Amino acid sequence: MTAVLALVCHLIWETTVWPSGWVQWAGVLGLGLGPVGIAFFTWDYGVKHGNIQLLGTLAYSAPLISVVLLIAAGYGEATGAVIAASVLIVLGSLIAGRVKRQPVPEPEAIH
């Protein structure tokens, strides 16, 4: 459903630009099979076999890591808004990590 909604939004608001040449197509294929594909497989494994609360909390660090890398590479600027957003992400992760999960009560047997 997410992909369908993304396609609809793309068709409404964006201009479609296809890769030009085999190098760009190889890059798209490499991203799909490499980092993006691996990310989906590892996320699926983590959801099925890992600590879902920790996984959800750590997922919020991805944009923070991206921003830090962009700033470090000189492609971004550490503005007040960026710093405030980064602090809020860290605070949210700390709060989410401290919340104790309540055990789910077992359903009563129907006689």
PDB file of N, CA and C in Angstrom:
ATOM      1  N   MET A   1       0.817  -1.183   0.000  1.00  0.00           N
ATOM      2  CA  MET A   1       0.000   0.000   0.000  1.00  0.00           C
ATOM      3  C   MET A   1       0.873   1.264   0.000  1.00  0.00           C
ATOM      4  N   THR A   2       1.986   1.215   0.719  1.00  0.00           N
ATOM      5  CA  THR A   2       2.893   2.357   0.749  1.00  0.00           C
ATOM      6  C   THR A   2       3.425   2.669  -0.644  1.00  0.00           C
ATOM      7  N   ALA A   3       3.773   1.633  -1.387  1.00  0.00           N
ATOM      8  CA  ALA A   3       4.303   1.844  -2.734  1.00  0.00           C
ATOM      9  C   ALA A   3       3.243   2.456  -3.651  1.00  0.00           C
ATOM     10  N   VAL A   4       2.006   2.025  -3.503  1.00  0.00           N
ATOM     11  CA  VAL A   4       0.921   2.577  -4.321  1.00  0.00           C
ATOM     12  C   VAL A   4       0.720   4.056  -4.005  1.00  0.00           C
ATOM     13  N   LEU A   5       0.693   4.394  -2.718  1.00  0.00           N
ATOM     14  CA  LEU A   5       0.548   5.799  -2.324  1.00  0.00           C
ATOM     15  C   LEU A   5       1.739   6.633  -2.805  1.00  0.00           C
ATOM     16  N   ALA A   6       2.930   6.088  -2.714  1.00  0.00           N
ATOM     17  CA  ALA A   6       4.115   6.806  -3.193  1.00  0.00           C
ATOM     18  C   ALA A   6       4.027   7.047  -4.700  1.00  0.00           C
ATOM     19  N   LEU A   7       3.553   6.050  -5.441  1.00  0.00           N
ATOM     20  CA  LEU A   7       3.396   6.211  -6.883  1.00  0.00           C
ATOM     21  C   LEU A   7       2.378   7.298  -7.204  1.00  0.00           C
ATOM     22  N   VAL A   8       1.251   7.288  -6.517  1.00  0.00           N
ATOM     23  CA  VAL A   8       0.225   8.314  -6.743  1.00  0.00           C
ATOM     24  C   VAL A   8       0.790   9.703  -6.457  1.00  0.00           C
ATOM     25  N   CYS A   9       1.463   9.864  -5.333  1.00  0.00           N
ATOM     26  CA  CYS A   9       2.061  11.164  -4.992  1.00  0.00           C
ATOM     27  C   CYS A   9       3.107  11.572  -6.017  1.00  0.00           C
ATOM     28  N   HIS A  10       3.912  10.616  -6.465  1.00  0.00           N
ATOM     29  CA  HIS A  10       4.927  10.909  -7.479  1.00  0.00           C
ATOM     30  C   HIS A  10       4.267  11.411  -8.761  1.00  0.00           C
ATOM     31  N   LEU A  11       3.229  10.714  -9.216  1.00  0.00           N
ATOM     32  CA  LEU A  11       2.576  11.106 -10.462  1.00  0.00           C
ATOM     33  C   LEU A  11       1.900  12.469 -10.356  1.00  0.00           C
ATOM     34  N   ILE A  12       1.434  12.813  -9.162  1.00  0.00           N
ATOM     35  CA  ILE A  12       0.761  14.104  -8.978  1.00  0.00           C
ATOM     36  C   ILE A  12       1.767  15.249  -8.888  1.00  0.00           C
ATOM     37  N   TRP A  13       2.852  15.076  -8.102  1.00  0.00           N
ATOM     38  CA  TRP A  13       3.700  16.215  -7.751  1.00  0.00           C
ATOM     39  C   TRP A  13       5.106  16.209  -8.333  1.00  0.00           C
ATOM     40  N   GLU A  14       5.539  15.114  -8.905  1.00  0.00           N
ATOM     41  CA  GLU A  14       6.928  15.052  -9.351  1.00  0.00           C
ATOM     42  C   GLU A  14       7.009  14.796 -10.857  1.00  0.00           C
ATOM     43  N   THR A  15       8.157  15.134 -11.415  1.00  0.00           N
ATOM     44  CA  THR A  15       8.447  14.826 -12.805  1.00  0.00           C
ATOM     45  C   THR A  15       9.266  13.541 -12.834  1.00  0.00           C
ATOM     46  N   THR A  16       8.838  12.588 -13.651  1.00  0.00           N
ATOM     47  CA  THR A  16       9.558  11.323 -13.756  1.00  0.00           C
ATOM     48  C   THR A  16      10.837  11.521 -14.550  1.00  0.00           C
ATOM     49  N   VAL A  17      11.947  11.068 -13.982  1.00  0.00           N
ATOM     50  CA  VAL A  17      13.239  11.131 -14.650  1.00  0.00           C
ATOM     51  C   VAL A  17      13.827   9.724 -14.628  1.00  0.00           C
ATOM     52  N   TRP A  18      13.980   9.130 -15.810  1.00  0.00           N
ATOM     53  CA  TRP A  18      14.539   7.786 -15.901  1.00  0.00           C
ATOM     54  C   TRP A  18      16.056   7.864 -15.990  1.00  0.00           C
ATOM     55  N   PRO A  19      16.756   6.848 -15.498  1.00  0.00           N
ATOM     56  CA  PRO A  19      18.216   6.830 -15.628  1.00  0.00           C
ATOM     57  C   PRO A  19      18.611   6.883 -17.112  1.00  0.00           C
ATOM     58  N   SER A  20      19.668   7.614 -17.402  1.00  0.00           N
ATOM     59  CA  SER A  20      20.132   7.709 -18.789  1.00  0.00           C
ATOM     60  C   SER A  20      21.462   6.972 -18.910  1.00  0.00           C
ATOM     61  N   GLY A  21      21.406   5.855 -19.539  1.00  0.00           N
ATOM     62  CA  GLY A  21      22.629   5.091 -19.762  1.00  0.00           C
ATOM     63  C   GLY A  21      22.761   3.904 -18.818  1.00  0.00           C
ATOM     64  N   TRP A  22      23.649   3.029 -19.210  1.00  0.00           N
ATOM     65  CA  TRP A  22      23.795   1.775 -18.466  1.00  0.00           C
ATOM     66  C   TRP A  22      24.444   1.983 -17.104  1.00  0.00           C
ATOM     67  N   VAL A  23      25.275   3.001 -16.949  1.00  0.00           N
ATOM     68  CA  VAL A  23      25.927   3.236 -15.662  1.00  0.00           C
ATOM     69  C   VAL A  23      24.887   3.609 -14.607  1.00  0.00           C
ATOM     70  N   GLN A  24      23.960   4.480 -14.972  1.00  0.00           N
ATOM     71  CA  GLN A  24      22.916   4.867 -14.020  1.00  0.00           C
ATOM     72  C   GLN A  24      21.979   3.698 -13.728  1.00  0.00           C
ATOM     73  N   TRP A  25      21.642   2.903 -14.750  1.00  0.00           N
ATOM     74  CA  TRP A  25      20.798   1.718 -14.508  1.00  0.00           C
ATOM     75  C   TRP A  25      21.525   0.722 -13.601  1.00  0.00           C
ATOM     76  N   ALA A  26      22.824   0.573 -13.792  1.00  0.00           N
ATOM     77  CA  ALA A  26      23.607  -0.316 -12.924  1.00  0.00           C
ATOM     78  C   ALA A  26      23.602   0.216 -11.493  1.00  0.00           C
ATOM     79  N   GLY A  27      23.657   1.546 -11.334  1.00  0.00           N
ATOM     80  CA  GLY A  27      23.587   2.134 -10.001  1.00  0.00           C
ATOM     81  C   GLY A  27      22.259   1.868  -9.328  1.00  0.00           C
ATOM     82  N   VAL A  28      21.168   1.989 -10.091  1.00  0.00           N
ATOM     83  CA  VAL A  28      19.834   1.709  -9.542  1.00  0.00           C
ATOM     84  C   VAL A  28      19.742   0.236  -9.140  1.00  0.00           C
ATOM     85  N   LEU A  29      20.191  -0.639 -10.000  1.00  0.00           N
ATOM     86  CA  LEU A  29      20.162  -2.078  -9.698  1.00  0.00           C
ATOM     87  C   LEU A  29      21.049  -2.397  -8.498  1.00  0.00           C
ATOM     88  N   GLY A  30      22.228  -1.766  -8.455  1.00  0.00           N
ATOM     89  CA  GLY A  30      23.137  -1.988  -7.326  1.00  0.00           C
ATOM     90  C   GLY A  30      22.545  -1.522  -6.008  1.00  0.00           C
ATOM     91  N   LEU A  31      21.856  -0.373  -6.019  1.00  0.00           N
ATOM     92  CA  LEU A  31      21.205   0.102  -4.785  1.00  0.00           C
ATOM     93  C   LEU A  31      20.102  -0.856  -4.348  1.00  0.00           C
ATOM     94  N   GLY A  32      19.324  -1.345  -5.322  1.00  0.00           N
ATOM     95  CA  GLY A  32      18.233  -2.256  -4.986  1.00  0.00           C
ATOM     96  C   GLY A  32      18.716  -3.579  -4.430  1.00  0.00           C
ATOM     97  N   LEU A  33      19.778  -4.104  -5.009  1.00  0.00           N
ATOM     98  CA  LEU A  33      20.314  -5.385  -4.538  1.00  0.00           C
ATOM     99  C   LEU A  33      21.240  -5.224  -3.350  1.00  0.00           C
ATOM    100  N   GLY A  34      21.889  -4.074  -3.258  1.00  0.00           N
ATOM    101  CA  GLY A  34      22.856  -3.841  -2.188  1.00  0.00           C
ATOM    102  C   GLY A  34      22.238  -3.240  -0.950  1.00  0.00           C
ATOM    103  N   PRO A  35      22.540  -1.973  -0.657  1.00  0.00           N
ATOM    104  CA  PRO A  35      22.149  -1.387   0.629  1.00  0.00           C
ATOM    105  C   PRO A  35      20.646  -1.350   0.880  1.00  0.00           C
ATOM    106  N   VAL A  36      19.860  -1.033  -0.131  1.00  0.00           N
ATOM    107  CA  VAL A  36      18.411  -0.948   0.089  1.00  0.00           C
ATOM    108  C   VAL A  36      17.818  -2.342   0.274  1.00  0.00           C
ATOM    109  N   GLY A  37      18.218  -3.269  -0.585  1.00  0.00           N
ATOM    110  CA  GLY A  37      17.719  -4.642  -0.455  1.00  0.00           C
ATOM    111  C   GLY A  37      18.137  -5.286   0.855  1.00  0.00           C
ATOM    112  N   ILE A  38      19.382  -5.086   1.218  1.00  0.00           N
ATOM    113  CA  ILE A  38      19.882  -5.642   2.487  1.00  0.00           C
ATOM    114  C   ILE A  38      19.142  -5.020   3.667  1.00  0.00           C
ATOM    115  N   ALA A  39      18.858  -3.720   3.565  1.00  0.00           N
ATOM    116  CA  ALA A  39      18.135  -3.049   4.651  1.00  0.00           C
ATOM    117  C   ALA A  39      16.759  -3.670   4.856  1.00  0.00           C
ATOM    118  N   PHE A  40      16.047  -3.967   3.773  1.00  0.00           N
ATOM    119  CA  PHE A  40      14.724  -4.580   3.901  1.00  0.00           C
ATOM    120  C   PHE A  40      14.816  -5.978   4.511  1.00  0.00           C
ATOM    121  N   PHE A  41      15.799  -6.767   4.069  1.00  0.00           N
ATOM    122  CA  PHE A  41      15.950  -8.116   4.625  1.00  0.00           C
ATOM    123  C   PHE A  41      16.326  -8.082   6.100  1.00  0.00           C
ATOM    124  N   THR A  42      17.245  -7.191   6.477  1.00  0.00           N
ATOM    125  CA  THR A  42      17.639  -7.137   7.881  1.00  0.00           C
ATOM    126  C   THR A  42      16.518  -6.578   8.756  1.00  0.00           C
ATOM    127  N   TRP A  43      15.749  -5.618   8.226  1.00  0.00           N
ATOM    128  CA  TRP A  43      14.597  -5.095   8.981  1.00  0.00           C
ATOM    129  C   TRP A  43      13.596  -6.222   9.220  1.00  0.00           C
ATOM    130  N   ASP A  44      13.307  -7.013   8.179  1.00  0.00           N
ATOM    131  CA  ASP A  44      12.367  -8.126   8.309  1.00  0.00           C
ATOM    132  C   ASP A  44      12.862  -9.127   9.352  1.00  0.00           C
ATOM    133  N   TYR A  45      14.147  -9.448   9.312  1.00  0.00           N
ATOM    134  CA  TYR A  45      14.707 -10.378  10.287  1.00  0.00           C
ATOM    135  C   TYR A  45      14.611  -9.803  11.705  1.00  0.00           C
ATOM    136  N   GLY A  46      14.943  -8.520  11.849  1.00  0.00           N
ATOM    137  CA  GLY A  46      14.888  -7.881  13.163  1.00  0.00           C
ATOM    138  C   GLY A  46      13.488  -7.845  13.735  1.00  0.00           C
ATOM    139  N   VAL A  47      12.499  -7.599  12.887  1.00  0.00           N
ATOM    140  CA  VAL A  47      11.113  -7.560  13.345  1.00  0.00           C
ATOM    141  C   VAL A  47      10.659  -8.947  13.795  1.00  0.00           C
ATOM    142  N   LYS A  48      11.062  -9.961  13.056  1.00  0.00           N
ATOM    143  CA  LYS A  48      10.622 -11.325  13.363  1.00  0.00           C
ATOM    144  C   LYS A  48      11.390 -11.972  14.512  1.00  0.00           C
ATOM    145  N   HIS A  49      12.667 -11.607  14.674  1.00  0.00           N
ATOM    146  CA  HIS A  49      13.499 -12.327  15.643  1.00  0.00           C
ATOM    147  C   HIS A  49      14.162 -11.447  16.693  1.00  0.00           C
ATOM    148  N   GLY A  50      14.035 -10.143  16.589  1.00  0.00           N
ATOM    149  CA  GLY A  50      14.776  -9.259  17.477  1.00  0.00           C
ATOM    150  C   GLY A  50      13.907  -8.584  18.524  1.00  0.00           C
ATOM    151  N   ASN A  51      14.498  -7.640  19.199  1.00  0.00           N
ATOM    152  CA  ASN A  51      13.813  -6.833  20.199  1.00  0.00           C
ATOM    153  C   ASN A  51      13.116  -5.690  19.458  1.00  0.00           C
ATOM    154  N   ILE A  52      11.821  -5.822  19.245  1.00  0.00           N
ATOM    155  CA  ILE A  52      11.084  -4.872  18.411  1.00  0.00           C
ATOM    156  C   ILE A  52      11.088  -3.469  18.998  1.00  0.00           C
ATOM    157  N   GLN A  53      11.087  -3.356  20.305  1.00  0.00           N
ATOM    158  CA  GLN A  53      11.115  -2.034  20.935  1.00  0.00           C
ATOM    159  C   GLN A  53      12.464  -1.354  20.663  1.00  0.00           C
ATOM    160  N   LEU A  54      13.545  -2.072  20.811  1.00  0.00           N
ATOM    161  CA  LEU A  54      14.869  -1.524  20.529  1.00  0.00           C
ATOM    162  C   LEU A  54      15.010  -1.200  19.046  1.00  0.00           C
ATOM    163  N   LEU A  55      14.511  -2.064  18.186  1.00  0.00           N
ATOM    164  CA  LEU A  55      14.579  -1.833  16.743  1.00  0.00           C
ATOM    165  C   LEU A  55      13.833  -0.563  16.356  1.00  0.00           C
ATOM    166  N   GLY A  56      12.654  -0.376  16.908  1.00  0.00           N
ATOM    167  CA  GLY A  56      11.888   0.833  16.632  1.00  0.00           C
ATOM    168  C   GLY A  56      12.594   2.078  17.115  1.00  0.00           C
ATOM    169  N   THR A  57      13.193   1.998  18.276  1.00  0.00           N
ATOM    170  CA  THR A  57      13.925   3.141  18.828  1.00  0.00           C
ATOM    171  C   THR A  57      15.155   3.462  17.982  1.00  0.00           C
ATOM    172  N   LEU A  58      15.906   2.441  17.603  1.00  0.00           N
ATOM    173  CA  LEU A  58      17.114   2.661  16.804  1.00  0.00           C
ATOM    174  C   LEU A  58      16.790   3.147  15.392  1.00  0.00           C
ATOM    175  N   ALA A  59      15.596   2.830  14.893  1.00  0.00           N
ATOM    176  CA  ALA A  59      15.218   3.264  13.548  1.00  0.00           C
ATOM    177  C   ALA A  59      15.213   4.782  13.435  1.00  0.00           C
ATOM    178  N   TYR A  60      14.957   5.464  14.546  1.00  0.00           N
ATOM    179  CA  TYR A  60      14.952   6.920  14.512  1.00  0.00           C
ATOM    180  C   TYR A  60      16.357   7.501  14.384  1.00  0.00           C
ATOM    181  N   SER A  61      17.377   6.680  14.571  1.00  0.00           N
ATOM    182  CA  SER A  61      18.739   7.191  14.445  1.00  0.00           C
ATOM    183  C   SER A  61      19.182   7.305  12.989  1.00  0.00           C
ATOM    184  N   ALA A  62      18.490   6.653  12.059  1.00  0.00           N
ATOM    185  CA  ALA A  62      18.893   6.704  10.648  1.00  0.00           C
ATOM    186  C   ALA A  62      18.912   8.126  10.093  1.00  0.00           C
ATOM    187  N   PRO A  63      17.851   8.932  10.287  1.00  0.00           N
ATOM    188  CA  PRO A  63      17.933  10.298   9.770  1.00  0.00           C
ATOM    189  C   PRO A  63      19.004  11.124  10.480  1.00  0.00           C
ATOM    190  N   LEU A  64      19.208  10.857  11.743  1.00  0.00           N
ATOM    191  CA  LEU A  64      20.233  11.588  12.495  1.00  0.00           C
ATOM    192  C   LEU A  64      21.623  11.275  11.940  1.00  0.00           C
ATOM    193  N   ILE A  65      21.884  10.016  11.678  1.00  0.00           N
ATOM    194  CA  ILE A  65      23.173   9.620  11.102  1.00  0.00           C
ATOM    195  C   ILE A  65      23.348  10.259   9.724  1.00  0.00           C
ATOM    196  N   SER A  66      22.278  10.283   8.916  1.00  0.00           N
ATOM    197  CA  SER A  66      22.348  10.895   7.590  1.00  0.00           C
ATOM    198  C   SER A  66      22.699  12.369   7.679  1.00  0.00           C
ATOM    199  N   VAL A  67      22.055  13.080   8.597  1.00  0.00           N
ATOM    200  CA  VAL A  67      22.320  14.513   8.747  1.00  0.00           C
ATOM    201  C   VAL A  67      23.758  14.750   9.197  1.00  0.00           C
ATOM    202  N   VAL A  68      24.214  13.977  10.148  1.00  0.00           N
ATOM    203  CA  VAL A  68      25.591  14.140  10.631  1.00  0.00           C
ATOM    204  C   VAL A  68      26.585  13.882   9.498  1.00  0.00           C
ATOM    205  N   LEU A  69      26.344  12.849   8.698  1.00  0.00           N
ATOM    206  CA  LEU A  69      27.241  12.553   7.579  1.00  0.00           C
ATOM    207  C   LEU A  69      27.209  13.662   6.528  1.00  0.00           C
ATOM    208  N   LEU A  70      26.026  14.200   6.234  1.00  0.00           N
ATOM    209  CA  LEU A  70      25.932  15.304   5.273  1.00  0.00           C
ATOM    210  C   LEU A  70      26.685  16.535   5.755  1.00  0.00           C
ATOM    211  N   ILE A  71      26.534  16.849   7.039  1.00  0.00           N
ATOM    212  CA  ILE A  71      27.240  18.008   7.603  1.00  0.00           C
ATOM    213  C   ILE A  71      28.753  17.759   7.585  1.00  0.00           C
ATOM    214  N   ALA A  72      29.160  16.556   7.976  1.00  0.00           N
ATOM    215  CA  ALA A  72      30.595  16.228   8.001  1.00  0.00           C
ATOM    216  C   ALA A  72      31.213  16.270   6.600  1.00  0.00           C
ATOM    217  N   ALA A  73      30.425  15.909   5.575  1.00  0.00           N
ATOM    218  CA  ALA A  73      30.931  15.905   4.201  1.00  0.00           C
ATOM    219  C   ALA A  73      30.835  17.279   3.553  1.00  0.00           C
ATOM    220  N   GLY A  74      30.255  18.238   4.253  1.00  0.00           N
ATOM    221  CA  GLY A  74      30.164  19.585   3.711  1.00  0.00           C
ATOM    222  C   GLY A  74      28.943  19.846   2.855  1.00  0.00           C
ATOM    223  N   TYR A  75      27.983  18.927   2.850  1.00  0.00           N
ATOM    224  CA  TYR A  75      26.765  19.092   2.051  1.00  0.00           C
ATOM    225  C   TYR A  75      25.585  19.608   2.863  1.00  0.00           C
ATOM    226  N   GLY A  76      25.787  19.840   4.137  1.00  0.00           N
ATOM    227  CA  GLY A  76      24.720  20.336   5.001  1.00  0.00           C
ATOM    228  C   GLY A  76      25.283  21.347   5.972  1.00  0.00           C
ATOM    229  N   GLU A  77      24.378  22.043   6.615  1.00  0.00           N
ATOM    230  CA  GLU A  77      24.782  23.070   7.565  1.00  0.00           C
ATOM    231  C   GLU A  77      24.131  22.784   8.911  1.00  0.00           C
ATOM    232  N   ALA A  78      24.891  22.916   9.964  1.00  0.00           N
ATOM    233  CA  ALA A  78      24.395  22.669  11.323  1.00  0.00           C
ATOM    234  C   ALA A  78      23.651  23.905  11.824  1.00  0.00           C
ATOM    235  N   THR A  79      22.438  24.086  11.309  1.00  0.00           N
ATOM    236  CA  THR A  79      21.632  25.232  11.731  1.00  0.00           C
ATOM    237  C   THR A  79      20.980  24.936  13.079  1.00  0.00           C
ATOM    238  N   GLY A  80      20.383  25.950  13.661  1.00  0.00           N
ATOM    239  CA  GLY A  80      19.683  25.760  14.928  1.00  0.00           C
ATOM    240  C   GLY A  80      18.565  24.749  14.815  1.00  0.00           C
ATOM    241  N   ALA A  81      17.840  24.779  13.681  1.00  0.00           N
ATOM    242  CA  ALA A  81      16.743  23.823  13.478  1.00  0.00           C
ATOM    243  C   ALA A  81      17.266  22.391  13.393  1.00  0.00           C
ATOM    244  N   VAL A  82      18.397  22.198  12.717  1.00  0.00           N
ATOM    245  CA  VAL A  82      18.981  20.861  12.586  1.00  0.00           C
ATOM    246  C   VAL A  82      19.455  20.354  13.945  1.00  0.00           C
ATOM    247  N   ILE A  83      20.092  21.215  14.698  1.00  0.00           N
ATOM    248  CA  ILE A  83      20.573  20.823  16.030  1.00  0.00           C
ATOM    249  C   ILE A  83      19.389  20.514  16.946  1.00  0.00           C
ATOM    250  N   ALA A  84      18.343  21.345  16.914  1.00  0.00           N
ATOM    251  CA  ALA A  84      17.152  21.106  17.746  1.00  0.00           C
ATOM    252  C   ALA A  84      16.488  19.786  17.366  1.00  0.00           C
ATOM    253  N   ALA A  85      16.357  19.529  16.060  1.00  0.00           N
ATOM    254  CA  ALA A  85      15.745  18.271  15.614  1.00  0.00           C
ATOM    255  C   ALA A  85      16.578  17.077  16.056  1.00  0.00           C
ATOM    256  N   SER A  86      17.892  17.205  15.970  1.00  0.00           N
ATOM    257  CA  SER A  86      18.784  16.115  16.388  1.00  0.00           C
ATOM    258  C   SER A  86      18.643  15.830  17.877  1.00  0.00           C
ATOM    259  N   VAL A  87      18.581  16.888  18.676  1.00  0.00           N
ATOM    260  CA  VAL A  87      18.404  16.722  20.125  1.00  0.00           C
ATOM    261  C   VAL A  87      17.055  16.055  20.414  1.00  0.00           C
ATOM    262  N   LEU A  88      16.015  16.462  19.703  1.00  0.00           N
ATOM    263  CA  LEU A  88      14.693  15.859  19.924  1.00  0.00           C
ATOM    264  C   LEU A  88      14.676  14.382  19.539  1.00  0.00           C
ATOM    265  N   ILE A  89      15.388  14.017  18.460  1.00  0.00           N
ATOM    266  CA  ILE A  89      15.476  12.601  18.078  1.00  0.00           C
ATOM    267  C   ILE A  89      16.143  11.798  19.182  1.00  0.00           C
ATOM    268  N   VAL A  90      17.248  12.308  19.710  1.00  0.00           N
ATOM    269  CA  VAL A  90      17.967  11.602  20.780  1.00  0.00           C
ATOM    270  C   VAL A  90      17.100  11.506  22.033  1.00  0.00           C
ATOM    271  N   LEU A  91      16.438  12.601  22.405  1.00  0.00           N
ATOM    272  CA  LEU A  91      15.557  12.575  23.584  1.00  0.00           C
ATOM    273  C   LEU A  91      14.414  11.582  23.402  1.00  0.00           C
ATOM    274  N   GLY A  92      13.820  11.579  22.209  1.00  0.00           N
ATOM    275  CA  GLY A  92      12.745  10.622  21.941  1.00  0.00           C
ATOM    276  C   GLY A  92      13.218   9.185  22.050  1.00  0.00           C
ATOM    277  N   SER A  93      14.412   8.909  21.541  1.00  0.00           N
ATOM    278  CA  SER A  93      14.977   7.559  21.640  1.00  0.00           C
ATOM    279  C   SER A  93      15.239   7.176  23.093  1.00  0.00           C
ATOM    280  N   LEU A  94      15.758   8.123  23.874  1.00  0.00           N
ATOM    281  CA  LEU A  94      16.005   7.837  25.291  1.00  0.00           C
ATOM    282  C   LEU A  94      14.708   7.567  26.036  1.00  0.00           C
ATOM    283  N   ILE A  95      13.694   8.359  25.763  1.00  0.00           N
ATOM    284  CA  ILE A  95      12.397   8.151  26.425  1.00  0.00           C
ATOM    285  C   ILE A  95      11.803   6.816  26.017  1.00  0.00           C
ATOM    286  N   ALA A  96      11.824   6.520  24.719  1.00  0.00           N
ATOM    287  CA  ALA A  96      11.258   5.251  24.240  1.00  0.00           C
ATOM    288  C   ALA A  96      12.025   4.061  24.792  1.00  0.00           C
ATOM    289  N   GLY A  97      13.332   4.202  24.945  1.00  0.00           N
ATOM    290  CA  GLY A  97      14.142   3.102  25.468  1.00  0.00           C
ATOM    291  C   GLY A  97      13.930   2.844  26.944  1.00  0.00           C
ATOM    292  N   ARG A  98      13.447   3.837  27.675  1.00  0.00           N
ATOM    293  CA  ARG A  98      13.240   3.685  29.114  1.00  0.00           C
ATOM    294  C   ARG A  98      11.863   3.142  29.461  1.00  0.00           C
ATOM    295  N   VAL A  99      10.927   3.219  28.538  1.00  0.00           N
ATOM    296  CA  VAL A  99       9.558   2.768  28.806  1.00  0.00           C
ATOM    297  C   VAL A  99       9.554   1.256  28.946  1.00  0.00           C
ATOM    298  N   LYS A 100       8.969   0.789  30.016  1.00  0.00           N
ATOM    299  CA  LYS A 100       8.871  -0.658  30.248  1.00  0.00           C
ATOM    300  C   LYS A 100       7.656  -1.199  29.509  1.00  0.00           C
ATOM    301  N   ARG A 101       7.864  -2.288  28.818  1.00  0.00           N
ATOM    302  CA  ARG A 101       6.735  -2.916  28.126  1.00  0.00           C
ATOM    303  C   ARG A 101       5.868  -3.645  29.132  1.00  0.00           C
ATOM    304  N   GLN A 102       4.584  -3.444  29.009  1.00  0.00           N
ATOM    305  CA  GLN A 102       3.637  -4.145  29.867  1.00  0.00           C
ATOM    306  C   GLN A 102       3.348  -5.512  29.251  1.00  0.00           C
ATOM    307  N   PRO A 103       3.347  -6.575  30.068  1.00  0.00           N
ATOM    308  CA  PRO A 103       3.045  -7.887  29.495  1.00  0.00           C
ATOM    309  C   PRO A 103       1.605  -7.935  28.997  1.00  0.00           C
ATOM    310  N   VAL A 104       1.434  -8.588  27.877  1.00  0.00           N
ATOM    311  CA  VAL A 104       0.100  -8.740  27.310  1.00  0.00           C
ATOM    312  C   VAL A 104      -0.606  -9.858  28.057  1.00  0.00           C
ATOM    313  N   PRO A 105      -1.816  -9.590  28.610  1.00  0.00           N
ATOM    314  CA  PRO A 105      -2.509 -10.649  29.336  1.00  0.00           C
ATOM    315  C   PRO A 105      -2.930 -11.771  28.382  1.00  0.00           C
ATOM    316  N   GLU A 106      -2.875 -12.977  28.915  1.00  0.00           N
ATOM    317  CA  GLU A 106      -3.276 -14.136  28.126  1.00  0.00           C
ATOM    318  C   GLU A 106      -4.800 -14.141  27.976  1.00  0.00           C
ATOM    319  N   PRO A 107      -5.295 -14.448  26.791  1.00  0.00           N
ATOM    320  CA  PRO A 107      -6.748 -14.508  26.633  1.00  0.00           C
ATOM    321  C   PRO A 107      -7.308 -15.700  27.411  1.00  0.00           C
ATOM    322  N   GLU A 108      -8.481 -15.500  27.972  1.00  0.00           N
ATOM    323  CA  GLU A 108      -9.108 -16.569  28.731  1.00  0.00           C
ATOM    324  C   GLU A 108      -9.646 -17.621  27.783  1.00  0.00           C
ATOM    325  N   ALA A 109      -9.564 -18.855  28.214  1.00  0.00           N
ATOM    326  CA  ALA A 109     -10.057 -19.945  27.397  1.00  0.00           C
ATOM    327  C   ALA A 109     -11.585 -19.894  27.350  1.00  0.00           C
ATOM    328  N   ILE A 110     -12.126 -20.158  26.171  1.00  0.00           N
ATOM    329  CA  ILE A 110     -13.587 -20.193  26.014  1.00  0.00           C
ATOM    330  C   ILE A 110     -14.046 -21.627  26.246  1.00  0.00           C
ATOM    331  N   HIS A 111     -15.022 -21.742  27.153  1.00  0.00           N
ATOM    332  CA  HIS A 111     -15.510 -23.086  27.478  1.00  0.00           C
ATOM    333  C   HIS A 111     -16.807 -23.348  26.782  1.00  0.00           C
TER     334      HIS A 111
END
